[in-house]
Amino acid sequence: QLQLVESGGGLVQPGGSLRLSCAASGFTLDGAAIGWFRQAPGKEREGVSCISSYGGRSNYADSVKGRFTMSRDNAKTTMYLQMNSLKPGDTAVYYCAAAPRLVGLCTFHPDAYDYWGQGTQVTVSS
């Protein structure tokens, strides 16, 4: 069974850091475009970061550039989102996603992704 399982969300004060993890089972991530998305209450799901298959290209939303870093491990089964200098506006449910059909590029269009994690809540508040 192909699935993604997330962990690492929680409550953090403004200026703090969190690292989200997303473990894949049933497939490896190196041949897939991978991405992190988030959805705040009352808002549409938005792309945060993505990496193309085999790590050729990465992209970050303007709102997180310089603060968030996406990566995956050498075993190509886990992806991470390191979030620093967190702001209240970063509060949302965060989702990881994988798109094995995308080759050589990544996108912030959710419909392009076939597999999704269950979501993890990130709350930035004092």
PDB file of N, CA and C in Angstrom:
ATOM      1  N   GLN A   1       0.849  -1.186   0.000  1.00  0.00           N
ATOM      2  CA  GLN A   1       0.000   0.000   0.000  1.00  0.00           C
ATOM      3  C   GLN A   1       0.894   1.249   0.000  1.00  0.00           C
ATOM      4  N   LEU A   2       0.596   2.169  -0.910  1.00  0.00           N
ATOM      5  CA  LEU A   2       1.388   3.383  -1.025  1.00  0.00           C
ATOM      6  C   LEU A   2       0.791   4.444  -0.114  1.00  0.00           C
ATOM      7  N   GLN A   3       1.614   4.988   0.774  1.00  0.00           N
ATOM      8  CA  GLN A   3       1.103   6.031   1.634  1.00  0.00           C
ATOM      9  C   GLN A   3       2.217   6.937   2.151  1.00  0.00           C
ATOM     10  N   LEU A   4       1.804   8.120   2.609  1.00  0.00           N
ATOM     11  CA  LEU A   4       2.699   9.081   3.229  1.00  0.00           C
ATOM     12  C   LEU A   4       2.186   9.349   4.637  1.00  0.00           C
ATOM     13  N   VAL A   5       3.092   9.357   5.585  1.00  0.00           N
ATOM     14  CA  VAL A   5       2.720   9.582   6.978  1.00  0.00           C
ATOM     15  C   VAL A   5       3.554  10.732   7.528  1.00  0.00           C
ATOM     16  N   GLU A   6       2.867  11.756   8.024  1.00  0.00           N
ATOM     17  CA  GLU A   6       3.545  12.941   8.514  1.00  0.00           C
ATOM     18  C   GLU A   6       3.711  12.916  10.024  1.00  0.00           C
ATOM     19  N   SER A   7       4.680  13.694  10.484  1.00  0.00           N
ATOM     20  CA  SER A   7       4.870  13.910  11.914  1.00  0.00           C
ATOM     21  C   SER A   7       5.614  15.224  12.117  1.00  0.00           C
ATOM     22  N   GLY A   8       5.564  15.741  13.358  1.00  0.00           N
ATOM     23  CA  GLY A   8       6.394  16.882  13.708  1.00  0.00           C
ATOM     24  C   GLY A   8       5.685  18.199  13.926  1.00  0.00           C
ATOM     25  N   GLY A   9       4.386  18.251  13.732  1.00  0.00           N
ATOM     26  CA  GLY A   9       3.678  19.503  13.966  1.00  0.00           C
ATOM     27  C   GLY A   9       3.561  19.810  15.449  1.00  0.00           C
ATOM     28  N   GLY A  10       3.003  20.988  15.752  1.00  0.00           N
ATOM     29  CA  GLY A  10       2.814  21.351  17.147  1.00  0.00           C
ATOM     30  C   GLY A  10       2.641  22.842  17.328  1.00  0.00           C
ATOM     31  N   LEU A  11       2.753  23.255  18.572  1.00  0.00           N
ATOM     32  CA  LEU A  11       2.621  24.661  18.941  1.00  0.00           C
ATOM     33  C   LEU A  11       4.003  25.249  19.175  1.00  0.00           C
ATOM     34  N   VAL A  12       4.273  26.402  18.583  1.00  0.00           N
ATOM     35  CA  VAL A  12       5.571  27.054  18.733  1.00  0.00           C
ATOM     36  C   VAL A  12       5.357  28.551  18.826  1.00  0.00           C
ATOM     37  N   GLN A  13       6.234  29.213  19.536  1.00  0.00           N
ATOM     38  CA  GLN A  13       6.148  30.668  19.655  1.00  0.00           C
ATOM     39  C   GLN A  13       6.692  31.352  18.397  1.00  0.00           C
ATOM     40  N   PRO A  14       6.241  32.567  18.123  1.00  0.00           N
ATOM     41  CA  PRO A  14       6.808  33.307  16.974  1.00  0.00           C
ATOM     42  C   PRO A  14       8.317  33.402  17.084  1.00  0.00           C
ATOM     43  N   GLY A  15       8.978  33.200  15.950  1.00  0.00           N
ATOM     44  CA  GLY A  15      10.431  33.178  15.921  1.00  0.00           C
ATOM     45  C   GLY A  15      11.032  31.806  16.140  1.00  0.00           C
ATOM     46  N   GLY A  16      10.217  30.854  16.529  1.00  0.00           N
ATOM     47  CA  GLY A  16      10.701  29.505  16.793  1.00  0.00           C
ATOM     48  C   GLY A  16      10.836  28.663  15.543  1.00  0.00           C
ATOM     49  N   SER A  17      11.199  27.397  15.748  1.00  0.00           N
ATOM     50  CA  SER A  17      11.443  26.470  14.639  1.00  0.00           C
ATOM     51  C   SER A  17      10.707  25.157  14.865  1.00  0.00           C
ATOM     52  N   LEU A  18      10.384  24.507  13.779  1.00  0.00           N
ATOM     53  CA  LEU A  18       9.831  23.156  13.782  1.00  0.00           C
ATOM     54  C   LEU A  18      10.360  22.428  12.557  1.00  0.00           C
ATOM     55  N   ARG A  19      10.447  21.098  12.680  1.00  0.00           N
ATOM     56  CA  ARG A  19      10.775  20.294  11.514  1.00  0.00           C
ATOM     57  C   ARG A  19       9.689  19.252  11.300  1.00  0.00           C
ATOM     58  N   LEU A  20       9.114  19.283  10.124  1.00  0.00           N
ATOM     59  CA  LEU A  20       8.112  18.295   9.749  1.00  0.00           C
ATOM     60  C   LEU A  20       8.787  17.152   8.987  1.00  0.00           C
ATOM     61  N   SER A  21       8.292  15.953   9.215  1.00  0.00           N
ATOM     62  CA  SER A  21       8.777  14.775   8.498  1.00  0.00           C
ATOM     63  C   SER A  21       7.621  14.105   7.782  1.00  0.00           C
ATOM     64  N   CYS A  22       7.947  13.447   6.690  1.00  0.00           N
ATOM     65  CA  CYS A  22       6.930  12.722   5.917  1.00  0.00           C
ATOM     66  C   CYS A  22       7.576  11.447   5.397  1.00  0.00           C
ATOM     67  N   ALA A  23       7.139  10.313   5.926  1.00  0.00           N
ATOM     68  CA  ALA A  23       7.712   9.024   5.564  1.00  0.00           C
ATOM     69  C   ALA A  23       6.856   8.326   4.514  1.00  0.00           C
ATOM     70  N   ALA A  24       7.509   7.857   3.463  1.00  0.00           N
ATOM     71  CA  ALA A  24       6.813   7.133   2.405  1.00  0.00           C
ATOM     72  C   ALA A  24       6.922   5.638   2.635  1.00  0.00           C
ATOM     73  N   SER A  25       5.864   4.925   2.346  1.00  0.00           N
ATOM     74  CA  SER A  25       5.904   3.466   2.378  1.00  0.00           C
ATOM     75  C   SER A  25       5.307   2.944   1.090  1.00  0.00           C
ATOM     76  N   GLY A  26       5.890   1.891   0.578  1.00  0.00           N
ATOM     77  CA  GLY A  26       5.414   1.304  -0.664  1.00  0.00           C
ATOM     78  C   GLY A  26       6.062   1.887  -1.907  1.00  0.00           C
ATOM     79  N   PHE A  27       6.834   2.950  -1.761  1.00  0.00           N
ATOM     80  CA  PHE A  27       7.545   3.522  -2.897  1.00  0.00           C
ATOM     81  C   PHE A  27       8.640   4.431  -2.359  1.00  0.00           C
ATOM     82  N   THR A  28       9.597   4.776  -3.224  1.00  0.00           N
ATOM     83  CA  THR A  28      10.638   5.720  -2.850  1.00  0.00           C
ATOM     84  C   THR A  28      10.338   7.071  -3.477  1.00  0.00           C
ATOM     85  N   LEU A  29      10.909   8.091  -2.882  1.00  0.00           N
ATOM     86  CA  LEU A  29      10.583   9.452  -3.283  1.00  0.00           C
ATOM     87  C   LEU A  29      11.500  10.019  -4.362  1.00  0.00           C
ATOM     88  N   ASP A  30      12.614   9.344  -4.653  1.00  0.00           N
ATOM     89  CA  ASP A  30      13.589   9.975  -5.540  1.00  0.00           C
ATOM     90  C   ASP A  30      13.075  10.118  -6.961  1.00  0.00           C
ATOM     91  N   GLY A  31      12.194   9.239  -7.398  1.00  0.00           N
ATOM     92  CA  GLY A  31      11.658   9.325  -8.759  1.00  0.00           C
ATOM     93  C   GLY A  31      10.381  10.133  -8.868  1.00  0.00           C
ATOM     94  N   ALA A  32      10.004  10.824  -7.800  1.00  0.00           N
ATOM     95  CA  ALA A  32       8.754  11.576  -7.782  1.00  0.00           C
ATOM     96  C   ALA A  32       9.021  13.035  -7.478  1.00  0.00           C
ATOM     97  N   ALA A  33       8.187  13.909  -8.019  1.00  0.00           N
ATOM     98  CA  ALA A  33       8.160  15.271  -7.522  1.00  0.00           C
ATOM     99  C   ALA A  33       7.514  15.230  -6.144  1.00  0.00           C
ATOM    100  N   ILE A  34       8.054  15.981  -5.202  1.00  0.00           N
ATOM    101  CA  ILE A  34       7.514  15.999  -3.847  1.00  0.00           C
ATOM    102  C   ILE A  34       7.249  17.440  -3.432  1.00  0.00           C
ATOM    103  N   GLY A  35       6.287  17.605  -2.565  1.00  0.00           N
ATOM    104  CA  GLY A  35       5.921  18.957  -2.187  1.00  0.00           C
ATOM    105  C   GLY A  35       5.336  19.035  -0.800  1.00  0.00           C
ATOM    106  N   TRP A  36       5.358  20.221  -0.242  1.00  0.00           N
ATOM    107  CA  TRP A  36       4.677  20.535   1.005  1.00  0.00           C
ATOM    108  C   TRP A  36       3.638  21.614   0.702  1.00  0.00           C
ATOM    109  N   PHE A  37       2.478  21.417   1.230  1.00  0.00           N
ATOM    110  CA  PHE A  37       1.375  22.357   1.085  1.00  0.00           C
ATOM    111  C   PHE A  37       0.844  22.704   2.469  1.00  0.00           C
ATOM    112  N   ARG A  38       0.075  23.781   2.543  1.00  0.00           N
ATOM    113  CA  ARG A  38      -0.576  24.110   3.808  1.00  0.00           C
ATOM    114  C   ARG A  38      -1.947  24.707   3.551  1.00  0.00           C
ATOM    115  N   GLN A  39      -2.801  24.566   4.548  1.00  0.00           N
ATOM    116  CA  GLN A  39      -4.149  25.113   4.431  1.00  0.00           C
ATOM    117  C   GLN A  39      -4.558  25.697   5.773  1.00  0.00           C
ATOM    118  N   ALA A  40      -4.805  26.993   5.764  1.00  0.00           N
ATOM    119  CA  ALA A  40      -5.277  27.691   6.957  1.00  0.00           C
ATOM    120  C   ALA A  40      -6.804  27.719   6.945  1.00  0.00           C
ATOM    121  N   PRO A  41      -7.440  27.872   8.084  1.00  0.00           N
ATOM    122  CA  PRO A  41      -8.905  27.906   8.128  1.00  0.00           C
ATOM    123  C   PRO A  41      -9.480  28.967   7.201  1.00  0.00           C
ATOM    124  N   GLY A  42     -10.432  28.583   6.393  1.00  0.00           N
ATOM    125  CA  GLY A  42     -11.091  29.508   5.489  1.00  0.00           C
ATOM    126  C   GLY A  42     -10.305  29.852   4.245  1.00  0.00           C
ATOM    127  N   LYS A  43      -9.154  29.231   4.065  1.00  0.00           N
ATOM    128  CA  LYS A  43      -8.328  29.533   2.896  1.00  0.00           C
ATOM    129  C   LYS A  43      -8.107  28.288   2.053  1.00  0.00           C
ATOM    130  N   GLU A  44      -7.718  28.497   0.809  1.00  0.00           N
ATOM    131  CA  GLU A  44      -7.412  27.379  -0.069  1.00  0.00           C
ATOM    132  C   GLU A  44      -6.039  26.798   0.266  1.00  0.00           C
ATOM    133  N   ARG A  45      -5.868  25.549  -0.118  1.00  0.00           N
ATOM    134  CA  ARG A  45      -4.570  24.915   0.066  1.00  0.00           C
ATOM    135  C   ARG A  45      -3.550  25.607  -0.826  1.00  0.00           C
ATOM    136  N   GLU A  46      -2.375  25.895  -0.283  1.00  0.00           N
ATOM    137  CA  GLU A  46      -1.346  26.587  -1.051  1.00  0.00           C
ATOM    138  C   GLU A  46      -0.032  25.824  -0.984  1.00  0.00           C
ATOM    139  N   GLY A  47       0.726  25.922  -2.052  1.00  0.00           N
ATOM    140  CA  GLY A  47       2.032  25.288  -2.086  1.00  0.00           C
ATOM    141  C   GLY A  47       3.043  26.065  -1.273  1.00  0.00           C
ATOM    142  N   VAL A  48       3.861  25.344  -0.545  1.00  0.00           N
ATOM    143  CA  VAL A  48       4.910  25.945   0.286  1.00  0.00           C
ATOM    144  C   VAL A  48       6.281  25.717  -0.342  1.00  0.00           C
ATOM    145  N   SER A  49       6.552  24.479  -0.715  1.00  0.00           N
ATOM    146  CA  SER A  49       7.829  24.155  -1.327  1.00  0.00           C
ATOM    147  C   SER A  49       7.683  22.869  -2.118  1.00  0.00           C
ATOM    148  N   CYS A  50       8.571  22.666  -3.089  1.00  0.00           N
ATOM    149  CA  CYS A  50       8.567  21.414  -3.841  1.00  0.00           C
ATOM    150  C   CYS A  50       9.957  21.164  -4.407  1.00  0.00           C
ATOM    151  N   ILE A  51      10.224  19.895  -4.677  1.00  0.00           N
ATOM    152  CA  ILE A  51      11.470  19.462  -5.297  1.00  0.00           C
ATOM    153  C   ILE A  51      11.111  18.522  -6.429  1.00  0.00           C
ATOM    154  N   SER A  52      11.750  18.691  -7.575  1.00  0.00           N
ATOM    155  CA  SER A  52      11.463  17.826  -8.712  1.00  0.00           C
ATOM    156  C   SER A  52      12.063  16.440  -8.483  1.00  0.00           C
ATOM    157  N   SER A  53      11.692  15.502  -9.333  1.00  0.00           N
ATOM    158  CA  SER A  53      12.245  14.155  -9.253  1.00  0.00           C
ATOM    159  C   SER A  53      13.764  14.202  -9.394  1.00  0.00           C
ATOM    160  N   TYR A  54      14.442  13.351  -8.614  1.00  0.00           N
ATOM    161  CA  TYR A  54      15.901  13.267  -8.601  1.00  0.00           C
ATOM    162  C   TYR A  54      16.553  14.584  -8.177  1.00  0.00           C
ATOM    163  N   GLY A  55      15.783  15.446  -7.533  1.00  0.00           N
ATOM    164  CA  GLY A  55      16.335  16.623  -6.890  1.00  0.00           C
ATOM    165  C   GLY A  55      16.836  17.707  -7.815  1.00  0.00           C
ATOM    166  N   GLY A  56      16.417  17.717  -9.074  1.00  0.00           N
ATOM    167  CA  GLY A  56      16.958  18.683 -10.008  1.00  0.00           C
ATOM    168  C   GLY A  56      16.576  20.123  -9.749  1.00  0.00           C
ATOM    169  N   ARG A  57      15.325  20.351  -9.311  1.00  0.00           N
ATOM    170  CA  ARG A  57      14.845  21.717  -9.119  1.00  0.00           C
ATOM    171  C   ARG A  57      14.076  21.822  -7.822  1.00  0.00           C
ATOM    172  N   SER A  58      14.155  22.972  -7.190  1.00  0.00           N
ATOM    173  CA  SER A  58      13.349  23.229  -6.000  1.00  0.00           C
ATOM    174  C   SER A  58      12.680  24.580  -6.149  1.00  0.00           C
ATOM    175  N   ASN A  59      11.600  24.748  -5.430  1.00  0.00           N
ATOM    176  CA  ASN A  59      10.854  25.990  -5.500  1.00  0.00           C
ATOM    177  C   ASN A  59      10.222  26.267  -4.143  1.00  0.00           C
ATOM    178  N   TYR A  60      10.171  27.529  -3.776  1.00  0.00           N
ATOM    179  CA  TYR A  60       9.578  27.928  -2.502  1.00  0.00           C
ATOM    180  C   TYR A  60       8.605  29.076  -2.736  1.00  0.00           C
ATOM    181  N   ALA A  61       7.524  29.081  -1.989  1.00  0.00           N
ATOM    182  CA  ALA A  61       6.614  30.216  -2.008  1.00  0.00           C
ATOM    183  C   ALA A  61       7.349  31.454  -1.488  1.00  0.00           C
ATOM    184  N   ASP A  62       7.021  32.616  -2.031  1.00  0.00           N
ATOM    185  CA  ASP A  62       7.685  33.850  -1.612  1.00  0.00           C
ATOM    186  C   ASP A  62       7.560  34.078  -0.108  1.00  0.00           C
ATOM    187  N   SER A  63       6.437  33.662   0.448  1.00  0.00           N
ATOM    188  CA  SER A  63       6.185  33.917   1.866  1.00  0.00           C
ATOM    189  C   SER A  63       7.097  33.123   2.793  1.00  0.00           C
ATOM    190  N   VAL A  64       7.778  32.082   2.281  1.00  0.00           N
ATOM    191  CA  VAL A  64       8.616  31.254   3.148  1.00  0.00           C
ATOM    192  C   VAL A  64      10.076  31.245   2.724  1.00  0.00           C
ATOM    193  N   LYS A  65      10.401  31.880   1.626  1.00  0.00           N
ATOM    194  CA  LYS A  65      11.794  31.885   1.148  1.00  0.00           C
ATOM    195  C   LYS A  65      12.722  32.455   2.211  1.00  0.00           C
ATOM    196  N   GLY A  66      13.832  31.762   2.398  1.00  0.00           N
ATOM    197  CA  GLY A  66      14.795  32.190   3.389  1.00  0.00           C
ATOM    198  C   GLY A  66      14.499  31.712   4.793  1.00  0.00           C
ATOM    199  N   ARG A  67      13.315  31.153   5.003  1.00  0.00           N
ATOM    200  CA  ARG A  67      12.939  30.660   6.335  1.00  0.00           C
ATOM    201  C   ARG A  67      12.715  29.148   6.349  1.00  0.00           C
ATOM    202  N   PHE A  68      12.178  28.594   5.263  1.00  0.00           N
ATOM    203  CA  PHE A  68      11.873  27.167   5.190  1.00  0.00           C
ATOM    204  C   PHE A  68      12.866  26.484   4.257  1.00  0.00           C
ATOM    205  N   THR A  69      13.214  25.250   4.592  1.00  0.00           N
ATOM    206  CA  THR A  69      14.092  24.442   3.750  1.00  0.00           C
ATOM    207  C   THR A  69      13.510  23.042   3.639  1.00  0.00           C
ATOM    208  N   MET A  70      13.355  22.594   2.405  1.00  0.00           N
ATOM    209  CA  MET A  70      12.830  21.247   2.145  1.00  0.00           C
ATOM    210  C   MET A  70      13.979  20.323   1.755  1.00  0.00           C
ATOM    211  N   SER A  71      13.925  19.073   2.198  1.00  0.00           N
ATOM    212  CA  SER A  71      14.969  18.116   1.852  1.00  0.00           C
ATOM    213  C   SER A  71      14.402  16.708   1.897  1.00  0.00           C
ATOM    214  N   ARG A  72      15.190  15.737   1.458  1.00  0.00           N
ATOM    215  CA  ARG A  72      14.826  14.330   1.627  1.00  0.00           C
ATOM    216  C   ARG A  72      16.074  13.550   1.996  1.00  0.00           C
ATOM    217  N   ASP A  73      15.880  12.414   2.625  1.00  0.00           N
ATOM    218  CA  ASP A  73      17.032  11.671   3.126  1.00  0.00           C
ATOM    219  C   ASP A  73      17.678  10.841   2.025  1.00  0.00           C
ATOM    220  N   ASN A  74      18.860  10.310   2.313  1.00  0.00           N
ATOM    221  CA  ASN A  74      19.611   9.553   1.303  1.00  0.00           C
ATOM    222  C   ASN A  74      18.918   8.264   0.908  1.00  0.00           C
ATOM    223  N   ALA A  75      18.114   7.738   1.796  1.00  0.00           N
ATOM    224  CA  ALA A  75      17.385   6.511   1.484  1.00  0.00           C
ATOM    225  C   ALA A  75      16.175   6.789   0.607  1.00  0.00           C
ATOM    226  N   LYS A  76      15.878   8.071   0.400  1.00  0.00           N
ATOM    227  CA  LYS A  76      14.798   8.514  -0.483  1.00  0.00           C
ATOM    228  C   LYS A  76      13.433   8.026  -0.031  1.00  0.00           C
ATOM    229  N   THR A  77      13.272   7.865   1.294  1.00  0.00           N
ATOM    230  CA  THR A  77      11.967   7.433   1.788  1.00  0.00           C
ATOM    231  C   THR A  77      11.316   8.453   2.700  1.00  0.00           C
ATOM    232  N   THR A  78      12.043   9.498   3.052  1.00  0.00           N
ATOM    233  CA  THR A  78      11.499  10.504   3.961  1.00  0.00           C
ATOM    234  C   THR A  78      11.825  11.893   3.445  1.00  0.00           C
ATOM    235  N   MET A  79      10.855  12.790   3.499  1.00  0.00           N
ATOM    236  CA  MET A  79      11.097  14.186   3.161  1.00  0.00           C
ATOM    237  C   MET A  79      10.894  15.021   4.418  1.00  0.00           C
ATOM    238  N   TYR A  80      11.522  16.176   4.427  1.00  0.00           N
ATOM    239  CA  TYR A  80      11.484  17.041   5.598  1.00  0.00           C
ATOM    240  C   TYR A  80      11.162  18.472   5.184  1.00  0.00           C
ATOM    241  N   LEU A  81      10.615  19.204   6.121  1.00  0.00           N
ATOM    242  CA  LEU A  81      10.435  20.644   5.963  1.00  0.00           C
ATOM    243  C   LEU A  81      10.931  21.301   7.240  1.00  0.00           C
ATOM    244  N   GLN A  82      12.091  21.929   7.156  1.00  0.00           N
ATOM    245  CA  GLN A  82      12.635  22.672   8.281  1.00  0.00           C
ATOM    246  C   GLN A  82      12.084  24.090   8.225  1.00  0.00           C
ATOM    247  N   MET A  83      11.406  24.491   9.287  1.00  0.00           N
ATOM    248  CA  MET A  83      10.752  25.799   9.327  1.00  0.00           C
ATOM    249  C   MET A  83      11.377  26.630  10.434  1.00  0.00           C
ATOM    250  N   ASN A  84      11.999  27.731  10.068  1.00  0.00           N
ATOM    251  CA  ASN A  84      12.631  28.639  11.016  1.00  0.00           C
ATOM    252  C   ASN A  84      11.941  29.998  10.991  1.00  0.00           C
ATOM    253  N   SER A  85      12.202  30.787  12.015  1.00  0.00           N
ATOM    254  CA  SER A  85      11.629  32.139  12.109  1.00  0.00           C
ATOM    255  C   SER A  85      10.126  32.121  11.840  1.00  0.00           C
ATOM    256  N   LEU A  86       9.445  31.219  12.493  1.00  0.00           N
ATOM    257  CA  LEU A  86       8.020  31.044  12.248  1.00  0.00           C
ATOM    258  C   LEU A  86       7.220  32.270  12.678  1.00  0.00           C
ATOM    259  N   LYS A  87       6.158  32.517  11.917  1.00  0.00           N
ATOM    260  CA  LYS A  87       5.284  33.668  12.147  1.00  0.00           C
ATOM    261  C   LYS A  87       3.855  33.174  12.381  1.00  0.00           C
ATOM    262  N   PRO A  88       3.024  33.966  13.021  1.00  0.00           N
ATOM    263  CA  PRO A  88       1.622  33.554  13.203  1.00  0.00           C
ATOM    264  C   PRO A  88       0.934  33.235  11.881  1.00  0.00           C
ATOM    265  N   GLY A  89       1.320  33.918  10.814  1.00  0.00           N
ATOM    266  CA  GLY A  89       0.742  33.657   9.503  1.00  0.00           C
ATOM    267  C   GLY A  89       1.093  32.303   8.926  1.00  0.00           C
ATOM    268  N   ASP A  90       2.047  31.605   9.544  1.00  0.00           N
ATOM    269  CA  ASP A  90       2.395  30.252   9.104  1.00  0.00           C
ATOM    270  C   ASP A  90       1.468  29.202   9.707  1.00  0.00           C
ATOM    271  N   THR A  91       0.587  29.601  10.589  1.00  0.00           N
ATOM    272  CA  THR A  91      -0.343  28.659  11.215  1.00  0.00           C
ATOM    273  C   THR A  91      -1.257  28.033  10.175  1.00  0.00           C
ATOM    274  N   ALA A  92      -1.257  26.713  10.126  1.00  0.00           N
ATOM    275  CA  ALA A  92      -2.048  25.980   9.130  1.00  0.00           C
ATOM    276  C   ALA A  92      -1.885  24.486   9.373  1.00  0.00           C
ATOM    277  N   VAL A  93      -2.682  23.710   8.665  1.00  0.00           N
ATOM    278  CA  VAL A  93      -2.434  22.277   8.564  1.00  0.00           C
ATOM    279  C   VAL A  93      -1.486  22.075   7.381  1.00  0.00           C
ATOM    280  N   TYR A  94      -0.408  21.370   7.627  1.00  0.00           N
ATOM    281  CA  TYR A  94       0.611  21.138   6.601  1.00  0.00           C
ATOM    282  C   TYR A  94       0.483  19.713   6.063  1.00  0.00           C
ATOM    283  N   TYR A  95       0.587  19.609   4.738  1.00  0.00           N
ATOM    284  CA  TYR A  95       0.465  18.329   4.058  1.00  0.00           C
ATOM    285  C   TYR A  95       1.697  18.080   3.192  1.00  0.00           C
ATOM    286  N   CYS A  96       2.169  16.841   3.184  1.00  0.00           N
ATOM    287  CA  CYS A  96       3.177  16.447   2.217  1.00  0.00           C
ATOM    288  C   CYS A  96       2.485  15.734   1.064  1.00  0.00           C
ATOM    289  N   ALA A  97       3.128  15.742  -0.090  1.00  0.00           N
ATOM    290  CA  ALA A  97       2.527  15.132  -1.273  1.00  0.00           C
ATOM    291  C   ALA A  97       3.619  14.629  -2.200  1.00  0.00           C
ATOM    292  N   ALA A  98       3.272  13.629  -3.009  1.00  0.00           N
ATOM    293  CA  ALA A  98       4.213  13.059  -3.962  1.00  0.00           C
ATOM    294  C   ALA A  98       3.514  12.858  -5.306  1.00  0.00           C
ATOM    295  N   ALA A  99       4.275  13.075  -6.364  1.00  0.00           N
ATOM    296  CA  ALA A  99       3.729  12.964  -7.723  1.00  0.00           C
ATOM    297  C   ALA A  99       4.685  12.156  -8.585  1.00  0.00           C
ATOM    298  N   PRO A 100       4.561  10.822  -8.580  1.00  0.00           N
ATOM    299  CA  PRO A 100       5.469   9.989  -9.379  1.00  0.00           C
ATOM    300  C   PRO A 100       5.385  10.248 -10.878  1.00  0.00           C
ATOM    301  N   ARG A 101       4.283  10.796 -11.353  1.00  0.00           N
ATOM    302  CA  ARG A 101       4.143  11.019 -12.786  1.00  0.00           C
ATOM    303  C   ARG A 101       4.842  12.274 -13.277  1.00  0.00           C
ATOM    304  N   LEU A 102       5.206  13.181 -12.376  1.00  0.00           N
ATOM    305  CA  LEU A 102       5.909  14.395 -12.773  1.00  0.00           C
ATOM    306  C   LEU A 102       7.393  14.120 -12.902  1.00  0.00           C
ATOM    307  N   VAL A 103       7.942  14.408 -14.053  1.00  0.00           N
ATOM    308  CA  VAL A 103       9.358  14.128 -14.305  1.00  0.00           C
ATOM    309  C   VAL A 103      10.070  15.436 -14.619  1.00  0.00           C
ATOM    310  N   GLY A 104      11.084  15.740 -13.828  1.00  0.00           N
ATOM    311  CA  GLY A 104      11.926  16.885 -14.128  1.00  0.00           C
ATOM    312  C   GLY A 104      11.403  18.241 -13.718  1.00  0.00           C
ATOM    313  N   LEU A 105      10.250  18.262 -13.048  1.00  0.00           N
ATOM    314  CA  LEU A 105       9.735  19.542 -12.609  1.00  0.00           C
ATOM    315  C   LEU A 105       8.903  19.336 -11.359  1.00  0.00           C
ATOM    316  N   CYS A 106       8.577  20.413 -10.690  1.00  0.00           N
ATOM    317  CA  CYS A 106       7.618  20.335  -9.600  1.00  0.00           C
ATOM    318  C   CYS A 106       6.652  21.509  -9.735  1.00  0.00           C
ATOM    319  N   THR A 107       5.551  21.424  -9.067  1.00  0.00           N
ATOM    320  CA  THR A 107       4.502  22.410  -9.234  1.00  0.00           C
ATOM    321  C   THR A 107       3.761  22.627  -7.928  1.00  0.00           C
ATOM    322  N   PHE A 108       3.094  23.778  -7.810  1.00  0.00           N
ATOM    323  CA  PHE A 108       2.263  24.053  -6.655  1.00  0.00           C
ATOM    324  C   PHE A 108       0.788  23.769  -6.947  1.00  0.00           C
ATOM    325  N   HIS A 109       0.498  23.091  -8.053  1.00  0.00           N
ATOM    326  CA  HIS A 109      -0.871  22.711  -8.351  1.00  0.00           C
ATOM    327  C   HIS A 109      -1.202  21.410  -7.624  1.00  0.00           C
ATOM    328  N   PRO A 110      -2.090  21.429  -6.653  1.00  0.00           N
ATOM    329  CA  PRO A 110      -2.370  20.212  -5.881  1.00  0.00           C
ATOM    330  C   PRO A 110      -2.864  19.054  -6.734  1.00  0.00           C
ATOM    331  N   ASP A 111      -3.576  19.342  -7.806  1.00  0.00           N
ATOM    332  CA  ASP A 111      -4.134  18.267  -8.625  1.00  0.00           C
ATOM    333  C   ASP A 111      -3.063  17.404  -9.284  1.00  0.00           C
ATOM    334  N   ALA A 112      -1.836  17.898  -9.353  1.00  0.00           N
ATOM    335  CA  ALA A 112      -0.763  17.127  -9.981  1.00  0.00           C
ATOM    336  C   ALA A 112      -0.223  16.030  -9.086  1.00  0.00           C
ATOM    337  N   TYR A 113      -0.583  16.059  -7.806  1.00  0.00           N
ATOM    338  CA  TYR A 113      -0.028  15.121  -6.834  1.00  0.00           C
ATOM    339  C   TYR A 113      -0.990  13.962  -6.592  1.00  0.00           C
ATOM    340  N   ASP A 114      -0.436  12.752  -6.584  1.00  0.00           N
ATOM    341  CA  ASP A 114      -1.256  11.553  -6.444  1.00  0.00           C
ATOM    342  C   ASP A 114      -1.388  11.059  -5.008  1.00  0.00           C
ATOM    343  N   TYR A 115      -0.361  11.334  -4.209  1.00  0.00           N
ATOM    344  CA  TYR A 115      -0.345  10.805  -2.844  1.00  0.00           C
ATOM    345  C   TYR A 115      -0.191  11.946  -1.858  1.00  0.00           C
ATOM    346  N   TRP A 116      -0.950  11.847  -0.769  1.00  0.00           N
ATOM    347  CA  TRP A 116      -0.971  12.903   0.236  1.00  0.00           C
ATOM    348  C   TRP A 116      -0.838  12.322   1.636  1.00  0.00           C
ATOM    349  N   GLY A 117      -0.143  13.061   2.498  1.00  0.00           N
ATOM    350  CA  GLY A 117      -0.132  12.718   3.907  1.00  0.00           C
ATOM    351  C   GLY A 117      -1.440  13.132   4.553  1.00  0.00           C
ATOM    352  N   GLN A 118      -1.576  12.763   5.819  1.00  0.00           N
ATOM    353  CA  GLN A 118      -2.821  13.000   6.524  1.00  0.00           C
ATOM    354  C   GLN A 118      -2.945  14.433   7.049  1.00  0.00           C
ATOM    355  N   GLY A 119      -1.867  15.162   7.025  1.00  0.00           N
ATOM    356  CA  GLY A 119      -1.857  16.533   7.530  1.00  0.00           C
ATOM    357  C   GLY A 119      -1.412  16.608   8.975  1.00  0.00           C
ATOM    358  N   THR A 120      -0.681  17.664   9.312  1.00  0.00           N
ATOM    359  CA  THR A 120      -0.242  17.883  10.689  1.00  0.00           C
ATOM    360  C   THR A 120      -0.408  19.370  11.000  1.00  0.00           C
ATOM    361  N   GLN A 121      -0.937  19.643  12.185  1.00  0.00           N
ATOM    362  CA  GLN A 121      -1.229  21.026  12.569  1.00  0.00           C
ATOM    363  C   GLN A 121       0.032  21.729  13.049  1.00  0.00           C
ATOM    364  N   VAL A 122       0.253  22.924  12.514  1.00  0.00           N
ATOM    365  CA  VAL A 122       1.309  23.810  12.994  1.00  0.00           C
ATOM    366  C   VAL A 122       0.643  25.096  13.471  1.00  0.00           C
ATOM    367  N   THR A 123       0.860  25.431  14.730  1.00  0.00           N
ATOM    368  CA  THR A 123       0.282  26.640  15.313  1.00  0.00           C
ATOM    369  C   THR A 123       1.404  27.516  15.845  1.00  0.00           C
ATOM    370  N   VAL A 124       1.452  28.746  15.368  1.00  0.00           N
ATOM    371  CA  VAL A 124       2.472  29.696  15.810  1.00  0.00           C
ATOM    372  C   VAL A 124       1.765  30.783  16.616  1.00  0.00           C
ATOM    373  N   SER A 125       2.012  30.777  17.899  1.00  0.00           N
ATOM    374  CA  SER A 125       1.302  31.696  18.779  1.00  0.00           C
ATOM    375  C   SER A 125       2.083  31.897  20.070  1.00  0.00           C
ATOM    376  N   SER A 126       1.970  33.088  20.625  1.00  0.00           N
ATOM    377  CA  SER A 126       2.597  33.348  21.930  1.00  0.00           C
ATOM    378  C   SER A 126       1.597  33.096  23.058  1.00  0.00           C
TER     379      SER A 126
END
